[in-house]
Structures are given as structure tokens and as C-alpha cells.
Amino acid sequence: MSYYQRHVFFCVNDRGADADRPSCNRCDSARMRDYAKDRIKQIGLAGQGKVRVNQAGCLDRCEEGPVCVVYPEGTWYTYVDESDVDEIIESHLVNGRQVDRLKI
């Protein structure tokens, strides 16, 4: 059995303003990761056997970003704001249903 039921990684890589490729943190991904961590704690899903939200370096899907990935399913999502993150949490992390409109 896995230590966590689900593990969510938010790319927070930042290449800087002059980079040739986009990067997730230029789309506020660190703040969205913090938001997701707080929401998971608020609804009682944080901890062993439940859900863990972490940051990641570059996940190399920069042109599709910002991105996060949910394991063990390996489901990749993009998002725009808190309402998208809320939908991923409620649908996928709470109810086990992937959010097709946000999948990449």
C-alpha cells in the first residue's frame, strides 16, 4: 500500500522573463500549489493514507502549463485559477472522478 492515496505535484519551475520557453511559475503556480495544500488541509484530506500536495521542478510540459499531475493515476492537468484547482480537488481527489476538461 502506498503511503498516500494520491500524490499531487505542481510544477513551480521559473525560467525567468527572458527564457525561450514558458514556465509554470510565471503563471502563478506556486500560489496555486499553496492554495491546493491549504484546501486539502481544510477539508481533512491531508496526511498518511490520504492526499499529499507537493511542488516539483520542471515537469517538461511547459507549453501546456501551468501543470500538475496526480498519482498514482498519472493524470496531468492544467488550470487557470482557484476554481479549476477546486474542481480537481472535489472531483478527482475527493470523488475519484477525473476532470476531463482540464486534462492534458
N, C-alpha and C. Protein backbone atom coordinates (compact mmCIF):
# COMPACT_ATOMS: atom_id res chain seq x y z
N MET A 1 0.84 -1.20 0.00
CA MET A 1 0.00 0.00 0.00
C MET A 1 0.88 1.25 0.00
N SER A 2 0.50 2.22 -0.76
CA SER A 2 1.22 3.48 -0.86
C SER A 2 1.04 4.29 0.42
N TYR A 3 2.02 5.10 0.74
CA TYR A 3 1.94 5.95 1.93
C TYR A 3 0.80 6.95 1.81
N TYR A 4 0.60 7.47 0.59
CA TYR A 4 -0.51 8.38 0.31
C TYR A 4 -1.46 7.73 -0.69
N GLN A 5 -2.73 8.00 -0.54
CA GLN A 5 -3.70 7.51 -1.53
C GLN A 5 -3.46 8.20 -2.87
N ARG A 6 -3.22 9.51 -2.81
CA ARG A 6 -2.91 10.27 -4.02
C ARG A 6 -1.83 11.30 -3.69
N HIS A 7 -0.98 11.54 -4.67
CA HIS A 7 0.11 12.48 -4.53
C HIS A 7 0.01 13.45 -5.70
N VAL A 8 -0.05 14.75 -5.40
CA VAL A 8 -0.23 15.78 -6.42
C VAL A 8 1.03 16.64 -6.48
N PHE A 9 1.60 16.74 -7.68
CA PHE A 9 2.79 17.55 -7.89
C PHE A 9 2.45 18.75 -8.77
N PHE A 10 2.71 19.95 -8.27
CA PHE A 10 2.54 21.18 -9.03
C PHE A 10 3.91 21.64 -9.51
N CYS A 11 4.07 21.82 -10.81
CA CYS A 11 5.30 22.39 -11.33
C CYS A 11 5.37 23.84 -10.89
N VAL A 12 6.51 24.23 -10.28
CA VAL A 12 6.72 25.62 -9.88
C VAL A 12 8.00 26.17 -10.50
N ASN A 13 8.45 25.55 -11.57
CA ASN A 13 9.67 25.99 -12.24
C ASN A 13 9.50 27.41 -12.79
N ASP A 14 10.57 28.20 -12.68
CA ASP A 14 10.57 29.56 -13.22
C ASP A 14 11.86 29.78 -14.00
N ARG A 15 11.74 29.92 -15.30
CA ARG A 15 12.91 30.13 -16.15
C ARG A 15 13.33 31.59 -16.23
N GLY A 16 12.49 32.48 -15.77
CA GLY A 16 12.80 33.90 -15.86
C GLY A 16 12.14 34.55 -17.06
N ALA A 17 12.12 35.85 -17.04
CA ALA A 17 11.38 36.63 -18.04
C ALA A 17 11.97 36.51 -19.44
N ASP A 18 13.27 36.27 -19.57
CA ASP A 18 13.91 36.25 -20.88
C ASP A 18 14.04 34.86 -21.49
N ALA A 19 13.42 33.86 -20.88
CA ALA A 19 13.56 32.48 -21.35
C ALA A 19 12.84 32.27 -22.68
N ASP A 20 13.38 31.32 -23.45
CA ASP A 20 12.77 30.98 -24.74
C ASP A 20 11.47 30.19 -24.59
N ARG A 21 11.34 29.46 -23.49
CA ARG A 21 10.13 28.65 -23.24
C ARG A 21 9.37 29.23 -22.05
N PRO A 22 8.07 29.00 -22.01
CA PRO A 22 7.30 29.43 -20.84
C PRO A 22 7.66 28.58 -19.62
N SER A 23 7.26 29.03 -18.46
CA SER A 23 7.45 28.22 -17.25
C SER A 23 6.25 28.43 -16.34
N CYS A 24 5.92 27.39 -15.60
CA CYS A 24 4.68 27.36 -14.83
C CYS A 24 4.59 28.46 -13.77
N ASN A 25 5.70 28.75 -13.09
CA ASN A 25 5.60 29.72 -12.01
C ASN A 25 5.31 31.13 -12.52
N ARG A 26 5.56 31.38 -13.79
CA ARG A 26 5.19 32.67 -14.37
C ARG A 26 3.67 32.75 -14.52
N CYS A 27 2.98 31.63 -14.32
CA CYS A 27 1.51 31.57 -14.34
C CYS A 27 0.97 31.39 -12.92
N ASP A 28 1.77 31.75 -11.92
CA ASP A 28 1.31 31.75 -10.52
C ASP A 28 1.16 30.35 -9.92
N SER A 29 1.94 29.39 -10.41
CA SER A 29 1.77 28.01 -9.95
C SER A 29 2.15 27.79 -8.49
N ALA A 30 3.12 28.52 -7.96
CA ALA A 30 3.48 28.36 -6.55
C ALA A 30 2.31 28.76 -5.65
N ARG A 31 1.64 29.83 -6.02
CA ARG A 31 0.46 30.26 -5.24
C ARG A 31 -0.66 29.24 -5.36
N MET A 32 -0.85 28.67 -6.54
CA MET A 32 -1.89 27.65 -6.72
C MET A 32 -1.55 26.39 -5.93
N ARG A 33 -0.28 26.02 -5.87
CA ARG A 33 0.14 24.88 -5.04
C ARG A 33 -0.18 25.14 -3.58
N ASP A 34 0.16 26.35 -3.10
CA ASP A 34 -0.14 26.71 -1.71
C ASP A 34 -1.64 26.68 -1.45
N TYR A 35 -2.41 27.16 -2.41
CA TYR A 35 -3.86 27.15 -2.30
C TYR A 35 -4.37 25.71 -2.18
N ALA A 36 -3.87 24.83 -3.04
CA ALA A 36 -4.29 23.42 -3.02
C ALA A 36 -3.92 22.77 -1.69
N LYS A 37 -2.72 23.02 -1.20
CA LYS A 37 -2.30 22.45 0.10
C LYS A 37 -3.25 22.90 1.21
N ASP A 38 -3.56 24.18 1.22
CA ASP A 38 -4.47 24.71 2.25
C ASP A 38 -5.85 24.09 2.15
N ARG A 39 -6.38 23.97 0.93
CA ARG A 39 -7.72 23.38 0.75
C ARG A 39 -7.75 21.92 1.20
N ILE A 40 -6.70 21.16 0.86
CA ILE A 40 -6.63 19.76 1.27
C ILE A 40 -6.63 19.66 2.79
N LYS A 41 -5.91 20.52 3.46
CA LYS A 41 -5.90 20.54 4.94
C LYS A 41 -7.27 20.92 5.48
N GLN A 42 -7.90 21.95 4.90
CA GLN A 42 -9.20 22.43 5.37
C GLN A 42 -10.27 21.36 5.30
N ILE A 43 -10.23 20.52 4.28
CA ILE A 43 -11.28 19.52 4.12
C ILE A 43 -10.90 18.17 4.74
N GLY A 44 -9.76 18.14 5.44
CA GLY A 44 -9.38 16.94 6.18
C GLY A 44 -8.81 15.81 5.33
N LEU A 45 -8.25 16.15 4.16
CA LEU A 45 -7.70 15.11 3.30
C LEU A 45 -6.18 14.99 3.40
N ALA A 46 -5.54 15.80 4.22
CA ALA A 46 -4.07 15.78 4.31
C ALA A 46 -3.60 14.68 5.25
N GLY A 47 -2.46 14.07 4.92
CA GLY A 47 -1.84 13.13 5.83
C GLY A 47 -1.71 11.73 5.28
N GLN A 48 -1.09 10.88 6.08
CA GLN A 48 -0.84 9.49 5.69
C GLN A 48 -2.14 8.80 5.30
N GLY A 49 -2.06 8.09 4.17
CA GLY A 49 -3.22 7.37 3.67
C GLY A 49 -4.22 8.23 2.95
N LYS A 50 -3.91 9.52 2.83
CA LYS A 50 -4.83 10.46 2.18
C LYS A 50 -4.13 11.12 1.01
N VAL A 51 -4.07 12.45 1.01
CA VAL A 51 -3.52 13.20 -0.13
C VAL A 51 -2.34 14.05 0.32
N ARG A 52 -1.33 14.11 -0.52
CA ARG A 52 -0.18 14.98 -0.30
C ARG A 52 -0.02 15.86 -1.53
N VAL A 53 0.15 17.17 -1.30
CA VAL A 53 0.39 18.13 -2.36
C VAL A 53 1.83 18.62 -2.23
N ASN A 54 2.60 18.51 -3.31
CA ASN A 54 4.00 18.92 -3.32
C ASN A 54 4.30 19.79 -4.52
N GLN A 55 5.43 20.47 -4.43
CA GLN A 55 5.94 21.20 -5.59
C GLN A 55 6.92 20.31 -6.33
N ALA A 56 7.09 20.62 -7.59
CA ALA A 56 8.06 19.91 -8.42
C ALA A 56 8.81 20.95 -9.23
N GLY A 57 10.01 20.57 -9.64
CA GLY A 57 10.72 21.37 -10.62
C GLY A 57 10.06 21.17 -11.97
N CYS A 58 10.77 21.47 -13.02
CA CYS A 58 10.20 21.39 -14.35
C CYS A 58 9.70 19.98 -14.65
N LEU A 59 8.45 19.89 -15.07
CA LEU A 59 7.85 18.63 -15.48
C LEU A 59 7.84 18.49 -17.01
N ASP A 60 8.44 19.46 -17.69
CA ASP A 60 8.67 19.45 -19.14
C ASP A 60 7.41 19.38 -19.99
N ARG A 61 6.36 20.04 -19.49
CA ARG A 61 5.15 20.21 -20.31
C ARG A 61 4.84 21.70 -20.35
N CYS A 62 5.90 22.48 -20.48
CA CYS A 62 5.88 23.94 -20.31
C CYS A 62 4.86 24.65 -21.21
N GLU A 63 4.74 24.21 -22.43
CA GLU A 63 3.83 24.87 -23.36
C GLU A 63 2.37 24.56 -23.05
N GLU A 64 2.12 23.63 -22.15
CA GLU A 64 0.75 23.26 -21.78
C GLU A 64 0.39 23.77 -20.39
N GLY A 65 1.28 24.52 -19.79
CA GLY A 65 1.19 24.88 -18.38
C GLY A 65 0.30 26.05 -18.09
N PRO A 66 0.13 26.30 -16.82
CA PRO A 66 0.73 25.60 -15.69
C PRO A 66 0.17 24.18 -15.57
N VAL A 67 0.98 23.29 -15.00
CA VAL A 67 0.57 21.89 -14.92
C VAL A 67 0.72 21.33 -13.51
N CYS A 68 -0.11 20.33 -13.25
CA CYS A 68 0.06 19.49 -12.08
C CYS A 68 -0.26 18.06 -12.51
N VAL A 69 0.23 17.10 -11.75
CA VAL A 69 0.00 15.70 -12.07
C VAL A 69 -0.43 14.98 -10.80
N VAL A 70 -1.43 14.11 -10.93
CA VAL A 70 -1.96 13.35 -9.79
C VAL A 70 -1.55 11.89 -9.95
N TYR A 71 -0.88 11.37 -8.93
CA TYR A 71 -0.51 9.95 -8.89
C TYR A 71 -1.29 9.27 -7.79
N PRO A 72 -1.62 7.98 -7.92
CA PRO A 72 -0.98 7.03 -8.81
C PRO A 72 -1.55 6.98 -10.22
N GLU A 73 -2.61 7.71 -10.50
CA GLU A 73 -3.24 7.61 -11.81
C GLU A 73 -2.37 8.15 -12.94
N GLY A 74 -1.50 9.11 -12.62
CA GLY A 74 -0.70 9.74 -13.65
C GLY A 74 -1.53 10.68 -14.52
N THR A 75 -2.50 11.34 -13.92
CA THR A 75 -3.38 12.25 -14.65
C THR A 75 -2.78 13.65 -14.63
N TRP A 76 -2.57 14.20 -15.81
CA TRP A 76 -1.99 15.53 -15.97
C TRP A 76 -3.10 16.55 -16.18
N TYR A 77 -2.99 17.67 -15.44
CA TYR A 77 -3.97 18.75 -15.55
C TYR A 77 -3.28 20.08 -15.81
N THR A 78 -4.01 20.96 -16.46
CA THR A 78 -3.67 22.36 -16.49
C THR A 78 -4.80 23.08 -15.75
N TYR A 79 -4.56 24.32 -15.38
CA TYR A 79 -5.55 25.08 -14.60
C TYR A 79 -5.29 26.56 -14.82
N VAL A 80 -6.31 27.36 -14.51
CA VAL A 80 -6.18 28.80 -14.67
C VAL A 80 -6.22 29.50 -13.31
N ASP A 81 -7.12 29.05 -12.44
CA ASP A 81 -7.33 29.77 -11.19
C ASP A 81 -7.81 28.82 -10.10
N GLU A 82 -8.19 29.40 -8.96
CA GLU A 82 -8.62 28.61 -7.81
C GLU A 82 -9.83 27.74 -8.11
N SER A 83 -10.73 28.22 -8.95
CA SER A 83 -11.93 27.42 -9.24
C SER A 83 -11.54 26.14 -9.98
N ASP A 84 -10.55 26.19 -10.86
CA ASP A 84 -10.08 24.97 -11.52
C ASP A 84 -9.43 24.02 -10.52
N VAL A 85 -8.61 24.56 -9.62
CA VAL A 85 -7.97 23.73 -8.59
C VAL A 85 -9.04 23.12 -7.69
N ASP A 86 -10.05 23.91 -7.32
CA ASP A 86 -11.16 23.38 -6.51
C ASP A 86 -11.86 22.22 -7.22
N GLU A 87 -12.04 22.34 -8.53
CA GLU A 87 -12.70 21.28 -9.28
C GLU A 87 -11.85 20.01 -9.30
N ILE A 88 -10.54 20.16 -9.45
CA ILE A 88 -9.64 19.00 -9.40
C ILE A 88 -9.71 18.34 -8.03
N ILE A 89 -9.70 19.15 -6.99
CA ILE A 89 -9.76 18.60 -5.62
C ILE A 89 -11.08 17.88 -5.40
N GLU A 90 -12.18 18.55 -5.67
CA GLU A 90 -13.50 17.98 -5.39
C GLU A 90 -13.78 16.74 -6.25
N SER A 91 -13.54 16.88 -7.55
CA SER A 91 -13.89 15.78 -8.44
C SER A 91 -12.90 14.62 -8.34
N HIS A 92 -11.61 14.90 -8.51
CA HIS A 92 -10.63 13.82 -8.58
C HIS A 92 -10.18 13.34 -7.20
N LEU A 93 -9.78 14.27 -6.35
CA LEU A 93 -9.19 13.86 -5.07
C LEU A 93 -10.22 13.42 -4.05
N VAL A 94 -11.39 14.02 -4.07
CA VAL A 94 -12.44 13.62 -3.12
C VAL A 94 -13.29 12.48 -3.69
N ASN A 95 -13.73 12.61 -4.94
CA ASN A 95 -14.69 11.66 -5.50
C ASN A 95 -14.12 10.67 -6.51
N GLY A 96 -12.83 10.77 -6.83
CA GLY A 96 -12.19 9.80 -7.72
C GLY A 96 -12.56 9.91 -9.18
N ARG A 97 -13.13 11.05 -9.58
CA ARG A 97 -13.51 11.27 -10.98
C ARG A 97 -12.59 12.30 -11.62
N GLN A 98 -11.91 11.91 -12.68
CA GLN A 98 -11.01 12.82 -13.36
C GLN A 98 -11.79 13.97 -14.01
N VAL A 99 -11.14 15.12 -14.13
CA VAL A 99 -11.76 16.31 -14.70
C VAL A 99 -11.32 16.41 -16.16
N ASP A 100 -12.14 15.87 -17.06
CA ASP A 100 -11.77 15.78 -18.46
C ASP A 100 -11.43 17.13 -19.09
N ARG A 101 -12.16 18.17 -18.73
CA ARG A 101 -11.94 19.48 -19.38
C ARG A 101 -10.60 20.10 -19.02
N LEU A 102 -9.96 19.64 -17.94
CA LEU A 102 -8.67 20.20 -17.53
C LEU A 102 -7.51 19.26 -17.83
N LYS A 103 -7.79 18.05 -18.31
CA LYS A 103 -6.73 17.09 -18.60
C LYS A 103 -5.90 17.52 -19.80
N ILE A 104 -4.61 17.22 -19.73
CA ILE A 104 -3.72 17.45 -20.88
C ILE A 104 -3.06 16.14 -21.25
